[in-house]
PDB file of N, CA and C in Angstrom:
ATOM      1  N   MET A   1      33.814  35.876  68.198  1.00  0.00           N
ATOM      2  CA  MET A   1      34.815  37.147  67.993  1.00  0.00           C
ATOM      3  C   MET A   1      35.646  37.221  66.790  1.00  0.00           C
ATOM      4  N   ALA A   2      36.102  36.089  66.280  1.00  0.00           N
ATOM      5  CA  ALA A   2      36.901  36.116  65.284  1.00  0.00           C
ATOM      6  C   ALA A   2      36.294  36.830  64.039  1.00  0.00           C
ATOM      7  N   GLU A   3      34.890  36.431  63.841  1.00  0.00           N
ATOM      8  CA  GLU A   3      34.213  37.043  62.723  1.00  0.00           C
ATOM      9  C   GLU A   3      33.896  38.688  62.822  1.00  0.00           C
ATOM     10  N   GLY A   4      33.784  39.114  64.168  1.00  0.00           N
ATOM     11  CA  GLY A   4      33.759  40.542  64.392  1.00  0.00           C
ATOM     12  C   GLY A   4      35.227  41.214  64.282  1.00  0.00           C
ATOM     13  N   LEU A   5      36.179  40.656  64.747  1.00  0.00           N
ATOM     14  CA  LEU A   5      37.639  41.236  64.423  1.00  0.00           C
ATOM     15  C   LEU A   5      37.978  41.454  63.122  1.00  0.00           C
ATOM     16  N   LEU A   6      37.818  40.244  62.118  1.00  0.00           N
ATOM     17  CA  LEU A   6      38.205  40.195  60.824  1.00  0.00           C
ATOM     18  C   LEU A   6      37.368  41.249  60.094  1.00  0.00           C
ATOM     19  N   ARG A   7      36.024  41.291  60.397  1.00  0.00           N
ATOM     20  CA  ARG A   7      35.260  42.309  59.557  1.00  0.00           C
ATOM     21  C   ARG A   7      35.747  43.574  59.868  1.00  0.00           C
ATOM     22  N   HIS A   8      35.921  43.977  60.990  1.00  0.00           N
ATOM     23  CA  HIS A   8      36.364  45.295  61.562  1.00  0.00           C
ATOM     24  C   HIS A   8      37.502  45.636  60.825  1.00  0.00           C
ATOM     25  N   ASP A   9      38.737  44.653  61.102  1.00  0.00           N
ATOM     26  CA  ASP A   9      40.079  44.944  60.857  1.00  0.00           C
ATOM     27  C   ASP A   9      40.472  44.819  59.245  1.00  0.00           C
ATOM     28  N   ALA A  10      39.591  44.033  58.533  1.00  0.00           N
ATOM     29  CA  ALA A  10      39.924  43.743  57.146  1.00  0.00           C
ATOM     30  C   ALA A  10      38.664  43.489  56.429  1.00  0.00           C
ATOM     31  N   GLY A  11      37.439  43.804  56.864  1.00  0.00           N
ATOM     32  CA  GLY A  11      36.156  43.486  56.165  1.00  0.00           C
ATOM     33  C   GLY A  11      36.237  44.302  54.790  1.00  0.00           C
ATOM     34  N   GLN A  12      36.957  45.283  54.364  1.00  0.00           N
ATOM     35  CA  GLN A  12      36.924  45.779  53.105  1.00  0.00           C
ATOM     36  C   GLN A  12      37.823  44.964  52.092  1.00  0.00           C
ATOM     37  N   ARG A  13      38.480  43.997  52.757  1.00  0.00           N
ATOM     38  CA  ARG A  13      39.358  43.105  51.712  1.00  0.00           C
ATOM     39  C   ARG A  13      38.833  41.718  51.735  1.00  0.00           C
ATOM     40  N   PHE A  14      37.911  41.274  52.434  1.00  0.00           N
ATOM     41  CA  PHE A  14      37.146  40.006  52.548  1.00  0.00           C
ATOM     42  C   PHE A  14      35.912  40.029  52.966  1.00  0.00           C
ATOM     43  N   ASP A  15      35.125  39.111  52.353  1.00  0.00           N
ATOM     44  CA  ASP A  15      33.690  38.586  52.718  1.00  0.00           C
ATOM     45  C   ASP A  15      34.134  37.652  54.069  1.00  0.00           C
ATOM     46  N   VAL A  16      33.307  38.122  54.924  1.00  0.00           N
ATOM     47  CA  VAL A  16      33.645  37.291  56.261  1.00  0.00           C
ATOM     48  C   VAL A  16      32.407  36.415  56.759  1.00  0.00           C
ATOM     49  N   GLU A  17      32.569  35.312  56.820  1.00  0.00           N
ATOM     50  CA  GLU A  17      31.428  34.495  57.414  1.00  0.00           C
ATOM     51  C   GLU A  17      32.152  33.596  58.768  1.00  0.00           C
ATOM     52  N   SER A  18      31.262  33.114  59.665  1.00  0.00           N
ATOM     53  CA  SER A  18      31.613  32.509  60.637  1.00  0.00           C
ATOM     54  C   SER A  18      30.721  31.464  60.845  1.00  0.00           C
ATOM     55  N   ALA A  19      31.353  30.306  61.281  1.00  0.00           N
ATOM     56  CA  ALA A  19      30.319  28.949  61.617  1.00  0.00           C
ATOM     57  C   ALA A  19      30.983  28.061  62.361  1.00  0.00           C
ATOM     58  N   GLY A  20      30.233  27.413  63.127  1.00  0.00           N
ATOM     59  CA  GLY A  20      30.802  26.224  63.992  1.00  0.00           C
ATOM     60  C   GLY A  20      30.260  24.970  63.609  1.00  0.00           C
ATOM     61  N   THR A  21      30.877  23.741  64.217  1.00  0.00           N
ATOM     62  CA  THR A  21      30.252  22.497  64.164  1.00  0.00           C
ATOM     63  C   THR A  21      29.385  22.214  65.332  1.00  0.00           C
ATOM     64  N   LYS A  22      29.317  22.845  66.197  1.00  0.00           N
ATOM     65  CA  LYS A  22      28.411  22.874  67.360  1.00  0.00           C
ATOM     66  C   LYS A  22      27.850  24.330  67.972  1.00  0.00           C
ATOM     67  N   PRO A  23      27.199  24.967  66.881  1.00  0.00           N
ATOM     68  CA  PRO A  23      26.764  26.355  67.313  1.00  0.00           C
ATOM     69  C   PRO A  23      25.863  26.553  68.552  1.00  0.00           C
ATOM     70  N   GLY A  24      26.243  27.485  69.158  1.00  0.00           N
ATOM     71  CA  GLY A  24      25.272  27.738  70.500  1.00  0.00           C
ATOM     72  C   GLY A  24      24.780  29.296  70.410  1.00  0.00           C
ATOM     73  N   ILE A  25      25.148  30.011  71.413  1.00  0.00           N
ATOM     74  CA  ILE A  25      24.700  31.420  71.443  1.00  0.00           C
ATOM     75  C   ILE A  25      26.103  32.123  71.398  1.00  0.00           C
ATOM     76  N   VAL A  26      25.707  33.592  70.917  1.00  0.00           N
ATOM     77  CA  VAL A  26      27.013  34.388  71.125  1.00  0.00           C
ATOM     78  C   VAL A  26      27.038  34.941  72.617  1.00  0.00           C
ATOM     79  N   ARG A  27      27.962  34.497  73.219  1.00  0.00           N
ATOM     80  CA  ARG A  27      27.954  34.557  74.561  1.00  0.00           C
ATOM     81  C   ARG A  27      28.160  36.425  75.023  1.00  0.00           C
ATOM     82  N   PRO A  28      27.566  36.612  76.138  1.00  0.00           N
ATOM     83  CA  PRO A  28      27.468  38.045  76.441  1.00  0.00           C
ATOM     84  C   PRO A  28      28.896  38.488  76.868  1.00  0.00           C
ATOM     85  N   GLU A  29      29.775  37.648  77.286  1.00  0.00           N
ATOM     86  CA  GLU A  29      31.022  37.873  77.555  1.00  0.00           C
ATOM     87  C   GLU A  29      31.847  38.323  76.554  1.00  0.00           C
ATOM     88  N   ALA A  30      31.589  37.752  75.392  1.00  0.00           N
ATOM     89  CA  ALA A  30      32.020  38.111  74.032  1.00  0.00           C
ATOM     90  C   ALA A  30      31.733  39.405  73.589  1.00  0.00           C
ATOM     91  N   ILE A  31      30.205  39.397  73.674  1.00  0.00           N
ATOM     92  CA  ILE A  31      29.785  40.876  73.247  1.00  0.00           C
ATOM     93  C   ILE A  31      30.507  41.933  74.129  1.00  0.00           C
ATOM     94  N   ALA A  32      30.635  41.580  75.214  1.00  0.00           N
ATOM     95  CA  ALA A  32      31.121  42.872  76.270  1.00  0.00           C
ATOM     96  C   ALA A  32      32.513  43.155  75.931  1.00  0.00           C
ATOM     97  N   VAL A  33      33.400  42.101  75.849  1.00  0.00           N
ATOM     98  CA  VAL A  33      34.680  42.400  75.496  1.00  0.00           C
ATOM     99  C   VAL A  33      35.109  42.877  74.148  1.00  0.00           C
ATOM    100  N   MET A  34      34.186  42.485  73.128  1.00  0.00           N
ATOM    101  CA  MET A  34      34.286  43.211  71.738  1.00  0.00           C
ATOM    102  C   MET A  34      33.934  44.665  71.729  1.00  0.00           C
ATOM    103  N   LYS A  35      33.023  45.046  72.631  1.00  0.00           N
ATOM    104  CA  LYS A  35      32.494  46.344  72.884  1.00  0.00           C
ATOM    105  C   LYS A  35      33.571  47.197  73.206  1.00  0.00           C
ATOM    106  N   GLU A  36      34.444  46.518  74.089  1.00  0.00           N
ATOM    107  CA  GLU A  36      35.630  47.502  74.707  1.00  0.00           C
ATOM    108  C   GLU A  36      36.451  48.066  73.342  1.00  0.00           C
ATOM    109  N   LEU A  37      36.479  47.226  72.527  1.00  0.00           N
ATOM    110  CA  LEU A  37      37.134  47.784  71.132  1.00  0.00           C
ATOM    111  C   LEU A  37      36.210  48.374  70.377  1.00  0.00           C
ATOM    112  N   ASP A  38      35.131  48.837  70.706  1.00  0.00           N
ATOM    113  CA  ASP A  38      34.167  49.466  69.799  1.00  0.00           C
ATOM    114  C   ASP A  38      33.717  48.618  68.645  1.00  0.00           C
ATOM    115  N   ILE A  39      33.645  47.296  68.839  1.00  0.00           N
ATOM    116  CA  ILE A  39      33.208  46.408  67.836  1.00  0.00           C
ATOM    117  C   ILE A  39      31.980  45.709  68.318  1.00  0.00           C
ATOM    118  N   ASP A  40      30.759  45.943  67.677  1.00  0.00           N
ATOM    119  CA  ASP A  40      29.475  45.687  67.912  1.00  0.00           C
ATOM    120  C   ASP A  40      29.167  44.058  67.360  1.00  0.00           C
ATOM    121  N   ILE A  41      29.187  43.202  68.137  1.00  0.00           N
ATOM    122  CA  ILE A  41      28.787  41.891  67.690  1.00  0.00           C
ATOM    123  C   ILE A  41      27.433  41.329  68.136  1.00  0.00           C
ATOM    124  N   SER A  42      26.648  42.443  68.821  1.00  0.00           N
ATOM    125  CA  SER A  42      25.481  41.911  69.564  1.00  0.00           C
ATOM    126  C   SER A  42      24.254  41.333  68.532  1.00  0.00           C
ATOM    127  N   GLY A  43      24.635  41.862  67.175  1.00  0.00           N
ATOM    128  CA  GLY A  43      23.436  41.341  66.197  1.00  0.00           C
ATOM    129  C   GLY A  43      24.000  39.943  65.452  1.00  0.00           C
ATOM    130  N   HIS A  44      25.288  39.503  65.898  1.00  0.00           N
ATOM    131  CA  HIS A  44      25.650  38.343  65.415  1.00  0.00           C
ATOM    132  C   HIS A  44      24.969  36.940  65.941  1.00  0.00           C
ATOM    133  N   ARG A  45      24.785  35.940  64.914  1.00  0.00           N
ATOM    134  CA  ARG A  45      24.248  34.738  65.746  1.00  0.00           C
ATOM    135  C   ARG A  45      25.099  33.430  65.247  1.00  0.00           C
ATOM    136  N   SER A  46      24.976  32.474  66.147  1.00  0.00           N
ATOM    137  CA  SER A  46      25.964  31.411  66.014  1.00  0.00           C
ATOM    138  C   SER A  46      25.333  30.569  64.931  1.00  0.00           C
ATOM    139  N   LYS A  47      26.237  30.140  63.876  1.00  0.00           N
ATOM    140  CA  LYS A  47      25.458  29.537  62.840  1.00  0.00           C
ATOM    141  C   LYS A  47      26.344  28.067  62.783  1.00  0.00           C
ATOM    142  N   HIS A  48      25.691  27.075  62.015  1.00  0.00           N
ATOM    143  CA  HIS A  48      26.321  25.959  61.708  1.00  0.00           C
ATOM    144  C   HIS A  48      26.846  25.847  60.386  1.00  0.00           C
ATOM    145  N   VAL A  49      27.907  25.101  60.260  1.00  0.00           N
ATOM    146  CA  VAL A  49      28.882  25.110  59.029  1.00  0.00           C
ATOM    147  C   VAL A  49      27.891  24.690  57.831  1.00  0.00           C
ATOM    148  N   ASP A  50      26.858  23.848  58.120  1.00  0.00           N
ATOM    149  CA  ASP A  50      25.952  23.322  57.117  1.00  0.00           C
ATOM    150  C   ASP A  50      25.405  24.467  56.332  1.00  0.00           C
ATOM    151  N   GLU A  51      25.215  25.708  56.935  1.00  0.00           N
ATOM    152  CA  GLU A  51      24.467  26.807  56.502  1.00  0.00           C
ATOM    153  C   GLU A  51      25.280  27.230  55.104  1.00  0.00           C
ATOM    154  N   PHE A  52      26.507  26.904  55.013  1.00  0.00           N
ATOM    155  CA  PHE A  52      27.304  27.392  53.898  1.00  0.00           C
ATOM    156  C   PHE A  52      27.820  25.980  52.836  1.00  0.00           C
ATOM    157  N   GLU A  53      27.335  25.132  52.748  1.00  0.00           N
ATOM    158  CA  GLU A  53      27.425  24.068  52.016  1.00  0.00           C
ATOM    159  C   GLU A  53      27.598  24.240  50.613  1.00  0.00           C
ATOM    160  N   GLU A  54      26.989  25.236  50.296  1.00  0.00           N
ATOM    161  CA  GLU A  54      26.757  25.510  48.657  1.00  0.00           C
ATOM    162  C   GLU A  54      27.613  26.603  48.397  1.00  0.00           C
ATOM    163  N   GLN A  55      28.290  27.341  49.517  1.00  0.00           N
ATOM    164  CA  GLN A  55      29.209  28.404  49.325  1.00  0.00           C
ATOM    165  C   GLN A  55      30.638  28.078  49.228  1.00  0.00           C
ATOM    166  N   ARG A  56      31.510  28.572  48.164  1.00  0.00           N
ATOM    167  CA  ARG A  56      32.999  28.349  48.132  1.00  0.00           C
ATOM    168  C   ARG A  56      33.796  29.604  48.686  1.00  0.00           C
ATOM    169  N   PHE A  57      34.745  29.118  49.401  1.00  0.00           N
ATOM    170  CA  PHE A  57      35.676  30.020  50.043  1.00  0.00           C
ATOM    171  C   PHE A  57      36.945  29.917  49.478  1.00  0.00           C
ATOM    172  N   GLU A  58      37.769  30.890  49.481  1.00  0.00           N
ATOM    173  CA  GLU A  58      39.257  31.075  49.350  1.00  0.00           C
ATOM    174  C   GLU A  58      40.021  30.337  50.519  1.00  0.00           C
ATOM    175  N   TYR A  59      39.393  30.852  51.675  1.00  0.00           N
ATOM    176  CA  TYR A  59      40.322  30.442  52.835  1.00  0.00           C
ATOM    177  C   TYR A  59      39.118  30.041  53.987  1.00  0.00           C
ATOM    178  N   VAL A  60      39.547  28.829  54.874  1.00  0.00           N
ATOM    179  CA  VAL A  60      38.800  28.549  55.924  1.00  0.00           C
ATOM    180  C   VAL A  60      39.667  28.332  57.077  1.00  0.00           C
ATOM    181  N   ILE A  61      39.543  29.280  58.217  1.00  0.00           N
ATOM    182  CA  ILE A  61      40.414  29.293  59.231  1.00  0.00           C
ATOM    183  C   ILE A  61      39.424  28.554  60.231  1.00  0.00           C
ATOM    184  N   THR A  62      40.249  27.564  60.906  1.00  0.00           N
ATOM    185  CA  THR A  62      39.694  27.012  62.260  1.00  0.00           C
ATOM    186  C   THR A  62      40.439  27.378  63.253  1.00  0.00           C
ATOM    187  N   VAL A  63      39.869  27.614  64.457  1.00  0.00           N
ATOM    188  CA  VAL A  63      40.413  28.229  65.573  1.00  0.00           C
ATOM    189  C   VAL A  63      40.297  27.235  66.855  1.00  0.00           C
ATOM    190  N   CYS A  64      39.922  25.886  66.745  1.00  0.00           N
ATOM    191  CA  CYS A  64      40.052  24.823  67.667  1.00  0.00           C
ATOM    192  C   CYS A  64      40.166  23.715  67.183  1.00  0.00           C
ATOM    193  N   ASP A  65      40.808  22.667  67.647  1.00  0.00           N
ATOM    194  CA  ASP A  65      41.154  21.213  67.217  1.00  0.00           C
ATOM    195  C   ASP A  65      39.787  20.601  66.701  1.00  0.00           C
ATOM    196  N   ASN A  66      38.909  20.595  67.732  1.00  0.00           N
ATOM    197  CA  ASN A  66      37.563  19.915  67.168  1.00  0.00           C
ATOM    198  C   ASN A  66      37.036  20.455  65.637  1.00  0.00           C
ATOM    199  N   ALA A  67      37.042  21.796  65.757  1.00  0.00           N
ATOM    200  CA  ALA A  67      36.609  22.214  64.426  1.00  0.00           C
ATOM    201  C   ALA A  67      37.465  21.897  63.354  1.00  0.00           C
ATOM    202  N   LYS A  68      38.898  21.635  63.476  1.00  0.00           N
ATOM    203  CA  LYS A  68      39.815  21.379  62.337  1.00  0.00           C
ATOM    204  C   LYS A  68      39.445  19.969  62.032  1.00  0.00           C
ATOM    205  N   GLU A  69      39.175  19.127  62.855  1.00  0.00           N
ATOM    206  CA  GLU A  69      39.111  17.550  62.772  1.00  0.00           C
ATOM    207  C   GLU A  69      37.547  17.323  62.208  1.00  0.00           C
ATOM    208  N   ALA A  70      36.692  18.189  62.578  1.00  0.00           N
ATOM    209  CA  ALA A  70      35.231  17.966  62.006  1.00  0.00           C
ATOM    210  C   ALA A  70      34.864  19.044  60.916  1.00  0.00           C
ATOM    211  N   CYS A  71      35.712  19.737  60.377  1.00  0.00           N
ATOM    212  CA  CYS A  71      35.362  20.674  59.206  1.00  0.00           C
ATOM    213  C   CYS A  71      34.978  19.982  58.095  1.00  0.00           C
ATOM    214  N   PRO A  72      33.824  20.219  57.502  1.00  0.00           N
ATOM    215  CA  PRO A  72      33.180  19.509  56.342  1.00  0.00           C
ATOM    216  C   PRO A  72      34.335  19.472  55.125  1.00  0.00           C
ATOM    217  N   VAL A  73      34.195  18.477  54.308  1.00  0.00           N
ATOM    218  CA  VAL A  73      34.982  18.529  53.179  1.00  0.00           C
ATOM    219  C   VAL A  73      34.469  19.384  51.965  1.00  0.00           C
ATOM    220  N   PHE A  74      33.324  19.880  52.140  1.00  0.00           N
ATOM    221  CA  PHE A  74      32.615  20.447  51.095  1.00  0.00           C
ATOM    222  C   PHE A  74      33.091  21.926  50.774  1.00  0.00           C
ATOM    223  N   PHE A  75      34.216  22.285  51.688  1.00  0.00           N
ATOM    224  CA  PHE A  75      35.110  23.560  51.533  1.00  0.00           C
ATOM    225  C   PHE A  75      35.912  23.490  50.395  1.00  0.00           C
ATOM    226  N   GLY A  76      36.053  22.247  49.700  1.00  0.00           N
ATOM    227  CA  GLY A  76      36.683  22.167  48.458  1.00  0.00           C
ATOM    228  C   GLY A  76      38.152  22.436  48.428  1.00  0.00           C
ATOM    229  N   THR A  77      38.392  23.545  47.362  1.00  0.00           N
ATOM    230  CA  THR A  77      39.653  23.948  47.189  1.00  0.00           C
ATOM    231  C   THR A  77      40.195  24.972  48.201  1.00  0.00           C
ATOM    232  N   ALA A  78      39.377  25.404  49.067  1.00  0.00           N
ATOM    233  CA  ALA A  78      39.643  26.441  49.997  1.00  0.00           C
ATOM    234  C   ALA A  78      41.130  26.227  50.773  1.00  0.00           C
ATOM    235  N   LYS A  79      41.823  27.152  50.979  1.00  0.00           N
ATOM    236  CA  LYS A  79      43.228  26.980  51.640  1.00  0.00           C
ATOM    237  C   LYS A  79      42.840  27.009  53.131  1.00  0.00           C
ATOM    238  N   ARG A  80      43.099  25.911  53.833  1.00  0.00           N
ATOM    239  CA  ARG A  80      42.729  25.937  55.142  1.00  0.00           C
ATOM    240  C   ARG A  80      43.977  26.275  56.183  1.00  0.00           C
ATOM    241  N   LEU A  81      43.501  27.078  57.008  1.00  0.00           N
ATOM    242  CA  LEU A  81      44.517  27.760  58.143  1.00  0.00           C
ATOM    243  C   LEU A  81      43.923  27.213  59.452  1.00  0.00           C
ATOM    244  N   HIS A  82      44.897  26.923  60.250  1.00  0.00           N
ATOM    245  CA  HIS A  82      44.442  26.442  61.633  1.00  0.00           C
ATOM    246  C   HIS A  82      45.368  26.956  62.711  1.00  0.00           C
ATOM    247  N   HIS A  83      44.795  27.257  63.766  1.00  0.00           N
ATOM    248  CA  HIS A  83      45.411  27.752  65.119  1.00  0.00           C
ATOM    249  C   HIS A  83      44.422  27.498  66.167  1.00  0.00           C
ATOM    250  N   THR A  84      45.039  26.714  67.220  1.00  0.00           N
ATOM    251  CA  THR A  84      44.250  26.492  68.391  1.00  0.00           C
ATOM    252  C   THR A  84      44.304  27.742  69.416  1.00  0.00           C
ATOM    253  N   PHE A  85      43.184  27.870  69.843  1.00  0.00           N
ATOM    254  CA  PHE A  85      42.884  28.943  70.898  1.00  0.00           C
ATOM    255  C   PHE A  85      42.032  28.217  71.823  1.00  0.00           C
ATOM    256  N   ASP A  86      42.179  28.706  73.186  1.00  0.00           N
ATOM    257  CA  ASP A  86      41.215  28.251  74.187  1.00  0.00           C
ATOM    258  C   ASP A  86      39.776  28.481  73.779  1.00  0.00           C
ATOM    259  N   ASP A  87      39.013  27.859  74.264  1.00  0.00           N
ATOM    260  CA  ASP A  87      37.571  28.215  74.023  1.00  0.00           C
ATOM    261  C   ASP A  87      37.069  28.780  75.346  1.00  0.00           C
ATOM    262  N   PRO A  88      36.926  30.056  75.191  1.00  0.00           N
ATOM    263  CA  PRO A  88      36.620  30.920  76.618  1.00  0.00           C
ATOM    264  C   PRO A  88      35.223  30.526  77.087  1.00  0.00           C
ATOM    265  N   ALA A  89      34.315  30.028  76.265  1.00  0.00           N
ATOM    266  CA  ALA A  89      32.864  29.633  76.796  1.00  0.00           C
ATOM    267  C   ALA A  89      32.983  28.373  77.491  1.00  0.00           C
ATOM    268  N   ALA A  90      34.164  27.474  77.352  1.00  0.00           N
ATOM    269  CA  ALA A  90      34.222  26.301  78.033  1.00  0.00           C
ATOM    270  C   ALA A  90      34.918  26.445  79.184  1.00  0.00           C
ATOM    271  N   LEU A  91      35.551  27.485  79.777  1.00  0.00           N
ATOM    272  CA  LEU A  91      36.190  27.608  80.834  1.00  0.00           C
ATOM    273  C   LEU A  91      35.204  28.340  82.016  1.00  0.00           C
ATOM    274  N   ASP A  92      35.515  27.657  83.189  1.00  0.00           N
ATOM    275  CA  ASP A  92      34.663  28.183  84.349  1.00  0.00           C
ATOM    276  C   ASP A  92      35.473  29.355  85.250  1.00  0.00           C
ATOM    277  N   GLY A  93      34.902  29.935  86.000  1.00  0.00           N
ATOM    278  CA  GLY A  93      35.383  30.863  87.120  1.00  0.00           C
ATOM    279  C   GLY A  93      34.452  31.897  87.411  1.00  0.00           C
ATOM    280  N   SER A  94      34.973  32.937  88.325  1.00  0.00           N
ATOM    281  CA  SER A  94      34.101  33.987  88.467  1.00  0.00           C
ATOM    282  C   SER A  94      33.809  34.970  87.094  1.00  0.00           C
ATOM    283  N   GLU A  95      32.993  35.778  87.436  1.00  0.00           N
ATOM    284  CA  GLU A  95      32.710  36.752  86.189  1.00  0.00           C
ATOM    285  C   GLU A  95      33.897  37.529  85.880  1.00  0.00           C
ATOM    286  N   GLU A  96      34.869  37.843  86.923  1.00  0.00           N
ATOM    287  CA  GLU A  96      35.851  38.635  86.493  1.00  0.00           C
ATOM    288  C   GLU A  96      36.985  37.599  85.839  1.00  0.00           C
ATOM    289  N   GLU A  97      37.215  36.302  86.238  1.00  0.00           N
ATOM    290  CA  GLU A  97      37.954  35.330  85.520  1.00  0.00           C
ATOM    291  C   GLU A  97      37.677  35.044  84.051  1.00  0.00           C
ATOM    292  N   ARG A  98      36.381  34.971  83.923  1.00  0.00           N
ATOM    293  CA  ARG A  98      35.777  34.732  82.650  1.00  0.00           C
ATOM    294  C   ARG A  98      36.096  35.801  81.670  1.00  0.00           C
ATOM    295  N   MET A  99      35.762  36.886  82.170  1.00  0.00           N
ATOM    296  CA  MET A  99      36.072  38.180  81.379  1.00  0.00           C
ATOM    297  C   MET A  99      37.523  38.257  80.853  1.00  0.00           C
ATOM    298  N   ALA A 100      38.419  37.892  81.781  1.00  0.00           N
ATOM    299  CA  ALA A 100      39.764  38.059  81.507  1.00  0.00           C
ATOM    300  C   ALA A 100      40.280  36.998  80.532  1.00  0.00           C
ATOM    301  N   ILE A 101      39.658  35.791  80.577  1.00  0.00           N
ATOM    302  CA  ILE A 101      39.932  34.861  79.725  1.00  0.00           C
ATOM    303  C   ILE A 101      39.340  35.252  78.374  1.00  0.00           C
ATOM    304  N   PHE A 102      38.154  35.941  78.142  1.00  0.00           N
ATOM    305  CA  PHE A 102      37.512  36.303  77.023  1.00  0.00           C
ATOM    306  C   PHE A 102      38.342  37.423  76.386  1.00  0.00           C
ATOM    307  N   ARG A 103      38.988  38.258  77.141  1.00  0.00           N
ATOM    308  CA  ARG A 103      39.772  39.342  76.645  1.00  0.00           C
ATOM    309  C   ARG A 103      41.264  38.810  76.170  1.00  0.00           C
ATOM    310  N   ARG A 104      41.890  37.771  76.966  1.00  0.00           N
ATOM    311  CA  ARG A 104      42.971  36.985  76.516  1.00  0.00           C
ATOM    312  C   ARG A 104      42.841  36.461  74.892  1.00  0.00           C
ATOM    313  N   VAL A 105      41.812  35.674  74.857  1.00  0.00           N
ATOM    314  CA  VAL A 105      41.525  34.980  73.747  1.00  0.00           C
ATOM    315  C   VAL A 105      41.144  36.023  72.539  1.00  0.00           C
ATOM    316  N   ARG A 106      40.440  36.981  72.905  1.00  0.00           N
ATOM    317  CA  ARG A 106      40.110  38.048  71.854  1.00  0.00           C
ATOM    318  C   ARG A 106      41.328  38.815  71.260  1.00  0.00           C
ATOM    319  N   ASP A 107      42.313  39.095  72.298  1.00  0.00           N
ATOM    320  CA  ASP A 107      43.504  39.768  71.960  1.00  0.00           C
ATOM    321  C   ASP A 107      44.426  38.753  71.102  1.00  0.00           C
ATOM    322  N   GLN A 108      44.507  37.518  71.460  1.00  0.00           N
ATOM    323  CA  GLN A 108      45.207  36.515  70.613  1.00  0.00           C
ATOM    324  C   GLN A 108      44.551  36.273  69.225  1.00  0.00           C
ATOM    325  N   LEU A 109      43.397  35.975  69.150  1.00  0.00           N
ATOM    326  CA  LEU A 109      42.553  36.101  67.800  1.00  0.00           C
ATOM    327  C   LEU A 109      42.941  37.189  66.957  1.00  0.00           C
ATOM    328  N   ARG A 110      43.040  38.392  67.534  1.00  0.00           N
ATOM    329  CA  ARG A 110      43.203  39.508  66.724  1.00  0.00           C
ATOM    330  C   ARG A 110      44.583  39.751  66.244  1.00  0.00           C
ATOM    331  N   ASN A 111      45.521  39.267  67.002  1.00  0.00           N
ATOM    332  CA  ASN A 111      46.989  39.364  66.647  1.00  0.00           C
ATOM    333  C   ASN A 111      47.103  38.177  65.646  1.00  0.00           C
ATOM    334  N   TYR A 112      46.431  37.265  65.554  1.00  0.00           N
ATOM    335  CA  TYR A 112      46.470  35.967  64.792  1.00  0.00           C
ATOM    336  C   TYR A 112      45.737  36.517  63.343  1.00  0.00           C
ATOM    337  N   LEU A 113      44.724  37.012  63.333  1.00  0.00           N
ATOM    338  CA  LEU A 113      44.024  37.379  62.333  1.00  0.00           C
ATOM    339  C   LEU A 113      44.889  38.757  61.452  1.00  0.00           C
ATOM    340  N   LYS A 114      45.479  39.442  62.465  1.00  0.00           N
ATOM    341  CA  LYS A 114      46.299  40.648  61.497  1.00  0.00           C
ATOM    342  C   LYS A 114      47.313  39.847  60.844  1.00  0.00           C
ATOM    343  N   THR A 115      48.026  38.915  61.162  1.00  0.00           N
ATOM    344  CA  THR A 115      48.868  38.217  60.375  1.00  0.00           C
ATOM    345  C   THR A 115      48.268  37.612  59.174  1.00  0.00           C
ATOM    346  N   PHE A 116      47.084  36.951  59.206  1.00  0.00           N
ATOM    347  CA  PHE A 116      46.310  36.555  57.881  1.00  0.00           C
ATOM    348  C   PHE A 116      46.198  37.749  56.944  1.00  0.00           C
ATOM    349  N   ALA A 117      45.349  38.655  57.599  1.00  0.00           N
ATOM    350  CA  ALA A 117      45.019  39.600  56.795  1.00  0.00           C
ATOM    351  C   ALA A 117      46.169  40.515  56.137  1.00  0.00           C
TER     352      ALA A 117
END
């Protein structure tokens, strides 16, 4: 969701990539709540940080404590920014409860990324 939000809200100012230390799938709940904002992430895929080991970045933003601790050192001189958000994919509940969590985290991410951009 962070990649989609930053691309949508500030993509003209930044080249945006997203990766994780434990990639999985782009959750259907994430696709649905982003679509509510007219942001289509259905074509996104979950990538591992190793895909970017040759690339240099000005900023590396981590959004969970595990990623902050496990973030590879190859990002060199990139300025690292961190903020912890709940991982909506890790939380259980009814479909309605999961969607509410995804919406909450989406909105928190958007507010945080707006202060970055």
